[in-house]
């Protein structure tokens, strides 16, 4: 619809221009131009309609880039995926992540998971994985619990459980554990498709940069190198 609007305005102007430029001419000349203008206008409308439909159909036929988790299909976390620490007694296993229909030109993926309801002033980062190869279509259950289980050359990123000892190792997945009595917190899983194989090299930041800095790079600084994002939200409260 936007393409049709942009195309139609100048075309309509040209048709009106032919008519008004001829208003001071003889009646026959004006009539001849007006008929020609209407004929051209009809032809242009037909062409625009075909082009518009083609564009809409082409857009509609392009499958959307999506990410999801069969482990979180209910929209919430079971005990298996909850943190084991800070008063929570889950198994702290990272959930399965699946995605499809990556944008053309994708060279790698980056995943970030944030509790957007945490009372930290900027949310709480639970998990991040960078430089997932373009051939990957997901992360297996438990992939976030040890560096060796990630698809090479992917690496876990610094999150807010760094050096706490509750994730089994720095940069591993940290499951939900909101304060008792809080309303269920929202955990947003965001997958980025980028046209570079290594996001840190492209941005000139170290692999040890914070998840917040990575987020700034991915959302603001990569520009056209960011090809698309997909996300879903799961909740948990206790």
C-alpha atoms as a PDB file:
ATOM      1  CA  UNK A   1       0.000   0.000   0.000  1.00  0.00           C
ATOM      2  CA  UNK A   2       2.840   2.395   0.720  1.00  0.00           C
ATOM      3  CA  UNK A   3       4.440   1.637  -2.622  1.00  0.00           C
ATOM      4  CA  UNK A   4       1.173   2.243  -4.435  1.00  0.00           C
ATOM      5  CA  UNK A   5       0.699   5.587  -2.693  1.00  0.00           C
ATOM      6  CA  UNK A   6       4.175   6.773  -3.556  1.00  0.00           C
ATOM      7  CA  UNK A   7       3.737   5.738  -7.167  1.00  0.00           C
ATOM      8  CA  UNK A   8       0.231   7.070  -7.656  1.00  0.00           C
ATOM      9  CA  UNK A   9       0.689  10.658  -6.505  1.00  0.00           C
ATOM     10  CA  UNK A  10       3.111  11.774  -9.261  1.00  0.00           C
ATOM     11  CA  UNK A  11       1.158   9.838 -11.878  1.00  0.00           C
ATOM     12  CA  UNK A  12      -2.080  11.513 -10.871  1.00  0.00           C
ATOM     13  CA  UNK A  13      -0.308  14.843 -11.020  1.00  0.00           C
ATOM     14  CA  UNK A  14       0.823  14.180 -14.575  1.00  0.00           C
ATOM     15  CA  UNK A  15      -2.720  13.347 -15.697  1.00  0.00           C
ATOM     16  CA  UNK A  16      -4.117  16.502 -14.077  1.00  0.00           C
ATOM     17  CA  UNK A  17      -1.260  18.491 -15.558  1.00  0.00           C
ATOM     18  CA  UNK A  18      -2.139  17.442 -19.092  1.00  0.00           C
ATOM     19  CA  UNK A  19      -5.714  18.610 -18.540  1.00  0.00           C
ATOM     20  CA  UNK A  20      -4.974  21.960 -16.911  1.00  0.00           C
ATOM     21  CA  UNK A  21      -2.176  22.927 -19.258  1.00  0.00           C
ATOM     22  CA  UNK A  22      -4.683  22.587 -22.090  1.00  0.00           C
ATOM     23  CA  UNK A  23      -7.552  24.536 -20.561  1.00  0.00           C
ATOM     24  CA  UNK A  24      -6.856  27.677 -22.616  1.00  0.00           C
ATOM     25  CA  UNK A  25      -6.627  25.790 -25.882  1.00  0.00           C
ATOM     26  CA  UNK A  26      -9.502  25.257 -28.280  1.00  0.00           C
ATOM     27  CA  UNK A  27     -12.397  23.038 -27.210  1.00  0.00           C
ATOM     28  CA  UNK A  28     -11.491  20.290 -29.636  1.00  0.00           C
ATOM     29  CA  UNK A  29      -7.866  20.321 -28.543  1.00  0.00           C
ATOM     30  CA  UNK A  30      -8.859  20.267 -24.903  1.00  0.00           C
ATOM     31  CA  UNK A  31     -11.331  17.440 -25.462  1.00  0.00           C
ATOM     32  CA  UNK A  32      -8.747  15.436 -27.359  1.00  0.00           C
ATOM     33  CA  UNK A  33      -6.191  15.815 -24.582  1.00  0.00           C
ATOM     34  CA  UNK A  34      -8.712  15.034 -21.887  1.00  0.00           C
ATOM     35  CA  UNK A  35      -9.737  11.805 -23.566  1.00  0.00           C
ATOM     36  CA  UNK A  36      -6.113  10.911 -23.987  1.00  0.00           C
ATOM     37  CA  UNK A  37      -5.461  11.797 -20.362  1.00  0.00           C
ATOM     38  CA  UNK A  38      -8.320   9.638 -19.090  1.00  0.00           C
ATOM     39  CA  UNK A  39      -7.172   6.777 -21.262  1.00  0.00           C
ATOM     40  CA  UNK A  40      -3.650   7.128 -19.955  1.00  0.00           C
ATOM     41  CA  UNK A  41      -4.958   7.494 -16.428  1.00  0.00           C
ATOM     42  CA  UNK A  42      -6.969   4.268 -16.741  1.00  0.00           C
ATOM     43  CA  UNK A  43      -3.963   2.471 -18.165  1.00  0.00           C
ATOM     44  CA  UNK A  44      -1.785   3.739 -15.369  1.00  0.00           C
ATOM     45  CA  UNK A  45      -4.326   2.690 -12.748  1.00  0.00           C
ATOM     46  CA  UNK A  46      -4.403  -0.766 -14.256  1.00  0.00           C
ATOM     47  CA  UNK A  47      -0.629  -0.990 -14.221  1.00  0.00           C
ATOM     48  CA  UNK A  48      -0.491   0.307 -10.664  1.00  0.00           C
ATOM     49  CA  UNK A  49      -3.124  -2.187  -9.593  1.00  0.00           C
ATOM     50  CA  UNK A  50      -1.167  -5.070 -11.074  1.00  0.00           C
ATOM     51  CA  UNK A  51       2.077  -3.787  -9.581  1.00  0.00           C
ATOM     52  CA  UNK A  52       0.420  -3.217  -6.240  1.00  0.00           C
ATOM     53  CA  UNK A  53      -1.094  -6.667  -6.144  1.00  0.00           C
ATOM     54  CA  UNK A  54       2.152  -8.221  -7.217  1.00  0.00           C
ATOM     55  CA  UNK A  55       4.029  -6.384  -4.478  1.00  0.00           C
ATOM     56  CA  UNK A  56       1.474  -7.324  -1.859  1.00  0.00           C
ATOM     57  CA  UNK A  57       1.431 -10.942  -2.936  1.00  0.00           C
ATOM     58  CA  UNK A  58       5.211 -11.074  -3.019  1.00  0.00           C
ATOM     59  CA  UNK A  59       5.384  -9.617   0.474  1.00  0.00           C
ATOM     60  CA  UNK A  60       2.684 -11.917   1.768  1.00  0.00           C
ATOM     61  CA  UNK A  61       4.346 -14.970   0.211  1.00  0.00           C
ATOM     62  CA  UNK A  62       7.641 -14.257   1.999  1.00  0.00           C
ATOM     63  CA  UNK A  63       7.509 -16.276   5.236  1.00  0.00           C
ATOM     64  CA  UNK A  64       8.133 -14.250   8.377  1.00  0.00           C
ATOM     65  CA  UNK A  65      11.352 -14.673  10.332  1.00  0.00           C
ATOM     66  CA  UNK A  66      10.252 -16.342  13.580  1.00  0.00           C
ATOM     67  CA  UNK A  67      11.730 -17.734  16.792  1.00  0.00           C
ATOM     68  CA  UNK A  68      10.019 -19.941  19.364  1.00  0.00           C
ATOM     69  CA  UNK A  69      10.577 -22.633  21.988  1.00  0.00           C
ATOM     70  CA  UNK A  70       8.632 -25.887  22.215  1.00  0.00           C
ATOM     71  CA  UNK A  71       9.751 -26.052  25.855  1.00  0.00           C
ATOM     72  CA  UNK A  72       7.927 -22.793  26.563  1.00  0.00           C
ATOM     73  CA  UNK A  73       4.912 -23.366  24.331  1.00  0.00           C
ATOM     74  CA  UNK A  74       2.601 -22.869  27.303  1.00  0.00           C
ATOM     75  CA  UNK A  75       3.940 -19.343  27.675  1.00  0.00           C
ATOM     76  CA  UNK A  76       5.578 -20.016  31.025  1.00  0.00           C
ATOM     77  CA  UNK A  77       8.587 -21.856  32.494  1.00  0.00           C
ATOM     78  CA  UNK A  78       8.417 -25.239  34.177  1.00  0.00           C
ATOM     79  CA  UNK A  79      10.773 -26.121  37.046  1.00  0.00           C
ATOM     80  CA  UNK A  80      13.268 -27.650  34.623  1.00  0.00           C
ATOM     81  CA  UNK A  81      14.167 -24.211  33.278  1.00  0.00           C
ATOM     82  CA  UNK A  82      14.089 -22.244  36.548  1.00  0.00           C
ATOM     83  CA  UNK A  83      17.271 -21.050  38.272  1.00  0.00           C
ATOM     84  CA  UNK A  84      18.779 -23.200  41.014  1.00  0.00           C
ATOM     85  CA  UNK A  85      19.884 -20.552  43.471  1.00  0.00           C
ATOM     86  CA  UNK A  86      18.852 -17.319  45.180  1.00  0.00           C
ATOM     87  CA  UNK A  87      15.940 -19.147  46.792  1.00  0.00           C
ATOM     88  CA  UNK A  88      14.772 -20.907  43.621  1.00  0.00           C
ATOM     89  CA  UNK A  89      15.041 -24.680  43.242  1.00  0.00           C
ATOM     90  CA  UNK A  90      14.808 -25.395  39.524  1.00  0.00           C
ATOM     91  CA  UNK A  91      17.157 -27.391  37.288  1.00  0.00           C
ATOM     92  CA  UNK A  92      18.406 -24.321  35.391  1.00  0.00           C
ATOM     93  CA  UNK A  93      18.425 -26.049  31.993  1.00  0.00           C
ATOM     94  CA  UNK A  94      18.319 -23.720  28.982  1.00  0.00           C
ATOM     95  CA  UNK A  95      15.214 -24.299  26.847  1.00  0.00           C
ATOM     96  CA  UNK A  96      15.193 -25.419  23.242  1.00  0.00           C
ATOM     97  CA  UNK A  97      15.170 -22.494  20.819  1.00  0.00           C
ATOM     98  CA  UNK A  98      14.016 -22.865  17.209  1.00  0.00           C
ATOM     99  CA  UNK A  99      13.868 -20.389  14.341  1.00  0.00           C
ATOM    100  CA  UNK A 100      12.969 -20.345  10.675  1.00  0.00           C
ATOM    101  CA  UNK A 101      12.896 -18.187   7.547  1.00  0.00           C
ATOM    102  CA  UNK A 102      16.058 -16.216   8.198  1.00  0.00           C
ATOM    103  CA  UNK A 103      16.447 -13.134   5.979  1.00  0.00           C
ATOM    104  CA  UNK A 104      18.502 -13.527   2.815  1.00  0.00           C
ATOM    105  CA  UNK A 105      22.139 -12.680   3.394  1.00  0.00           C
ATOM    106  CA  UNK A 106      22.214 -13.818   7.032  1.00  0.00           C
ATOM    107  CA  UNK A 107      25.728 -14.785   8.108  1.00  0.00           C
ATOM    108  CA  UNK A 108      25.108 -15.303  11.819  1.00  0.00           C
ATOM    109  CA  UNK A 109      22.543 -15.048  14.611  1.00  0.00           C
ATOM    110  CA  UNK A 110      22.655 -13.491  18.069  1.00  0.00           C
ATOM    111  CA  UNK A 111      20.311 -14.366  20.927  1.00  0.00           C
ATOM    112  CA  UNK A 112      19.518 -12.285  24.001  1.00  0.00           C
ATOM    113  CA  UNK A 113      17.105 -13.054  26.861  1.00  0.00           C
ATOM    114  CA  UNK A 114      16.011 -10.313  29.250  1.00  0.00           C
ATOM    115  CA  UNK A 115      13.670 -10.070  32.229  1.00  0.00           C
ATOM    116  CA  UNK A 116      12.104  -6.725  31.383  1.00  0.00           C
ATOM    117  CA  UNK A 117      10.265  -6.532  34.722  1.00  0.00           C
ATOM    118  CA  UNK A 118      13.304  -6.879  36.969  1.00  0.00           C
ATOM    119  CA  UNK A 119      13.724  -3.938  39.333  1.00  0.00           C
ATOM    120  CA  UNK A 120      17.210  -3.061  38.158  1.00  0.00           C
ATOM    121  CA  UNK A 121      16.421   0.037  36.128  1.00  0.00           C
ATOM    122  CA  UNK A 122      17.237  -1.672  32.862  1.00  0.00           C
ATOM    123  CA  UNK A 123      15.974  -5.220  33.106  1.00  0.00           C
ATOM    124  CA  UNK A 124      18.013  -8.303  33.949  1.00  0.00           C
ATOM    125  CA  UNK A 125      19.998 -10.229  31.329  1.00  0.00           C
ATOM    126  CA  UNK A 126      19.598 -13.998  31.718  1.00  0.00           C
ATOM    127  CA  UNK A 127      21.224 -15.427  28.628  1.00  0.00           C
ATOM    128  CA  UNK A 128      23.017 -14.357  25.476  1.00  0.00           C
ATOM    129  CA  UNK A 129      24.683 -16.262  22.668  1.00  0.00           C
ATOM    130  CA  UNK A 130      26.606 -14.524  19.894  1.00  0.00           C
ATOM    131  CA  UNK A 131      27.926 -15.516  16.475  1.00  0.00           C
ATOM    132  CA  UNK A 132      25.665 -18.522  16.018  1.00  0.00           C
ATOM    133  CA  UNK A 133      26.437 -19.869  12.513  1.00  0.00           C
ATOM    134  CA  UNK A 134      24.015 -19.114   9.711  1.00  0.00           C
ATOM    135  CA  UNK A 135      23.535 -22.843   9.119  1.00  0.00           C
ATOM    136  CA  UNK A 136      21.930 -23.271  12.545  1.00  0.00           C
ATOM    137  CA  UNK A 137      18.158 -23.386  12.890  1.00  0.00           C
ATOM    138  CA  UNK A 138      18.076 -23.506  16.668  1.00  0.00           C
ATOM    139  CA  UNK A 139      19.757 -24.297  19.955  1.00  0.00           C
ATOM    140  CA  UNK A 140      19.198 -27.658  21.609  1.00  0.00           C
ATOM    141  CA  UNK A 141      17.857 -27.926  25.134  1.00  0.00           C
ATOM    142  CA  UNK A 142      20.796 -27.458  27.503  1.00  0.00           C
ATOM    143  CA  UNK A 143      22.979 -25.750  24.900  1.00  0.00           C
ATOM    144  CA  UNK A 144      23.289 -22.740  27.181  1.00  0.00           C
ATOM    145  CA  UNK A 145      24.700 -24.729  30.092  1.00  0.00           C
ATOM    146  CA  UNK A 146      28.228 -25.287  28.783  1.00  0.00           C
ATOM    147  CA  UNK A 147      30.315 -23.546  26.154  1.00  0.00           C
ATOM    148  CA  UNK A 148      31.145 -26.829  24.420  1.00  0.00           C
ATOM    149  CA  UNK A 149      27.466 -27.534  23.674  1.00  0.00           C
ATOM    150  CA  UNK A 150      26.986 -24.403  21.562  1.00  0.00           C
ATOM    151  CA  UNK A 151      27.333 -24.713  17.764  1.00  0.00           C
ATOM    152  CA  UNK A 152      30.812 -23.464  16.832  1.00  0.00           C
ATOM    153  CA  UNK A 153      31.859 -20.691  16.633  1.00  0.00           C
ATOM    154  CA  UNK A 154      29.017 -19.436  18.868  1.00  0.00           C
ATOM    155  CA  UNK A 155      29.884 -18.278  22.357  1.00  0.00           C
ATOM    156  CA  UNK A 156      27.882 -17.375  25.435  1.00  0.00           C
ATOM    157  CA  UNK A 157      27.923 -13.710  26.335  1.00  0.00           C
ATOM    158  CA  UNK A 158      28.327 -11.943  29.634  1.00  0.00           C
ATOM    159  CA  UNK A 159      25.033 -11.832  31.562  1.00  0.00           C
ATOM    160  CA  UNK A 160      23.897 -10.610  34.954  1.00  0.00           C
ATOM    161  CA  UNK A 161      24.734 -13.921  36.662  1.00  0.00           C
ATOM    162  CA  UNK A 162      28.435 -13.488  35.928  1.00  0.00           C
ATOM    163  CA  UNK A 163      30.616 -14.714  38.811  1.00  0.00           C
ATOM    164  CA  UNK A 164      27.613 -15.573  41.015  1.00  0.00           C
ATOM    165  CA  UNK A 165      28.343 -19.293  40.799  1.00  0.00           C
ATOM    166  CA  UNK A 166      24.705 -20.273  40.243  1.00  0.00           C
ATOM    167  CA  UNK A 167      24.911 -21.021  36.497  1.00  0.00           C
ATOM    168  CA  UNK A 168      27.716 -23.575  36.566  1.00  0.00           C
ATOM    169  CA  UNK A 169      30.089 -21.237  34.778  1.00  0.00           C
ATOM    170  CA  UNK A 170      30.326 -17.668  33.569  1.00  0.00           C
ATOM    171  CA  UNK A 171      28.310 -16.810  30.442  1.00  0.00           C
ATOM    172  CA  UNK A 172      25.977 -19.790  30.900  1.00  0.00           C
ATOM    173  CA  UNK A 173      22.184 -19.622  30.939  1.00  0.00           C
ATOM    174  CA  UNK A 174      20.538 -18.303  34.100  1.00  0.00           C
ATOM    175  CA  UNK A 175      16.882 -19.244  34.525  1.00  0.00           C
ATOM    176  CA  UNK A 176      14.076 -17.116  35.948  1.00  0.00           C
ATOM    177  CA  UNK A 177      13.946 -16.413  39.690  1.00  0.00           C
ATOM    178  CA  UNK A 178      11.838 -13.317  40.354  1.00  0.00           C
ATOM    179  CA  UNK A 179      11.115 -12.154  43.899  1.00  0.00           C
ATOM    180  CA  UNK A 180       8.379 -14.031  45.748  1.00  0.00           C
ATOM    181  CA  UNK A 181       5.100 -12.132  45.562  1.00  0.00           C
ATOM    182  CA  UNK A 182       5.943 -10.198  42.410  1.00  0.00           C
ATOM    183  CA  UNK A 183       3.512 -10.412  39.543  1.00  0.00           C
ATOM    184  CA  UNK A 184       4.818 -12.804  36.872  1.00  0.00           C
ATOM    185  CA  UNK A 185       7.874 -11.364  35.151  1.00  0.00           C
ATOM    186  CA  UNK A 186       8.183 -11.235  31.364  1.00  0.00           C
ATOM    187  CA  UNK A 187      11.230 -12.856  29.781  1.00  0.00           C
ATOM    188  CA  UNK A 188      11.810 -11.670  26.227  1.00  0.00           C
ATOM    189  CA  UNK A 189      13.799 -13.892  23.867  1.00  0.00           C
ATOM    190  CA  UNK A 190      15.125 -11.879  20.919  1.00  0.00           C
ATOM    191  CA  UNK A 191      16.981 -13.357  17.970  1.00  0.00           C
ATOM    192  CA  UNK A 192      18.939 -11.119  15.602  1.00  0.00           C
ATOM    193  CA  UNK A 193      19.890 -12.066  12.044  1.00  0.00           C
ATOM    194  CA  UNK A 194      22.947 -10.136  10.861  1.00  0.00           C
ATOM    195  CA  UNK A 195      24.982  -9.968   7.664  1.00  0.00           C
ATOM    196  CA  UNK A 196      28.331 -10.382   9.428  1.00  0.00           C
ATOM    197  CA  UNK A 197      29.871 -13.611  10.796  1.00  0.00           C
ATOM    198  CA  UNK A 198      31.120 -11.984  13.997  1.00  0.00           C
ATOM    199  CA  UNK A 199      29.178  -9.159  15.626  1.00  0.00           C
ATOM    200  CA  UNK A 200      32.019  -8.093  17.953  1.00  0.00           C
ATOM    201  CA  UNK A 201      34.510  -7.802  15.095  1.00  0.00           C
ATOM    202  CA  UNK A 202      32.020  -5.807  13.046  1.00  0.00           C
ATOM    203  CA  UNK A 203      31.303  -3.424  15.933  1.00  0.00           C
ATOM    204  CA  UNK A 204      34.853  -3.211  17.249  1.00  0.00           C
ATOM    205  CA  UNK A 205      33.948  -4.404  20.749  1.00  0.00           C
ATOM    206  CA  UNK A 206      35.507  -7.250  22.786  1.00  0.00           C
ATOM    207  CA  UNK A 207      33.739 -10.580  23.189  1.00  0.00           C
ATOM    208  CA  UNK A 208      33.707  -9.827  26.925  1.00  0.00           C
ATOM    209  CA  UNK A 209      31.599  -6.692  26.436  1.00  0.00           C
ATOM    210  CA  UNK A 210      28.438  -6.548  28.529  1.00  0.00           C
ATOM    211  CA  UNK A 211      25.126  -7.798  27.212  1.00  0.00           C
ATOM    212  CA  UNK A 212      23.867  -4.224  27.422  1.00  0.00           C
ATOM    213  CA  UNK A 213      26.616  -3.031  25.069  1.00  0.00           C
ATOM    214  CA  UNK A 214      25.908  -5.901  22.712  1.00  0.00           C
ATOM    215  CA  UNK A 215      22.245  -4.909  22.764  1.00  0.00           C
ATOM    216  CA  UNK A 216      23.149  -1.334  21.844  1.00  0.00           C
ATOM    217  CA  UNK A 217      25.278  -2.577  18.967  1.00  0.00           C
ATOM    218  CA  UNK A 218      22.615  -4.949  17.680  1.00  0.00           C
ATOM    219  CA  UNK A 219      19.696  -2.552  17.957  1.00  0.00           C
ATOM    220  CA  UNK A 220      21.335   0.772  17.115  1.00  0.00           C
ATOM    221  CA  UNK A 221      24.817   0.596  15.691  1.00  0.00           C
ATOM    222  CA  UNK A 222      24.875  -2.197  13.106  1.00  0.00           C
ATOM    223  CA  UNK A 223      22.662  -0.262  10.704  1.00  0.00           C
ATOM    224  CA  UNK A 224      21.976  -2.182   7.496  1.00  0.00           C
ATOM    225  CA  UNK A 225      23.979  -5.151   8.791  1.00  0.00           C
ATOM    226  CA  UNK A 226      20.997  -5.989  11.004  1.00  0.00           C
ATOM    227  CA  UNK A 227      18.741  -7.909   8.608  1.00  0.00           C
ATOM    228  CA  UNK A 228      15.907  -8.826  10.934  1.00  0.00           C
ATOM    229  CA  UNK A 229      14.746  -9.616  14.461  1.00  0.00           C
ATOM    230  CA  UNK A 230      12.293 -12.133  15.868  1.00  0.00           C
ATOM    231  CA  UNK A 231      11.106 -12.522  19.435  1.00  0.00           C
ATOM    232  CA  UNK A 232       8.737 -14.222  21.833  1.00  0.00           C
ATOM    233  CA  UNK A 233       7.910 -13.762  25.516  1.00  0.00           C
ATOM    234  CA  UNK A 234       7.442 -16.275  28.330  1.00  0.00           C
ATOM    235  CA  UNK A 235       6.438 -15.437  31.896  1.00  0.00           C
ATOM    236  CA  UNK A 236       7.206 -16.755  35.361  1.00  0.00           C
ATOM    237  CA  UNK A 237       6.217 -15.787  38.883  1.00  0.00           C
ATOM    238  CA  UNK A 238       6.394 -17.379  42.318  1.00  0.00           C
END
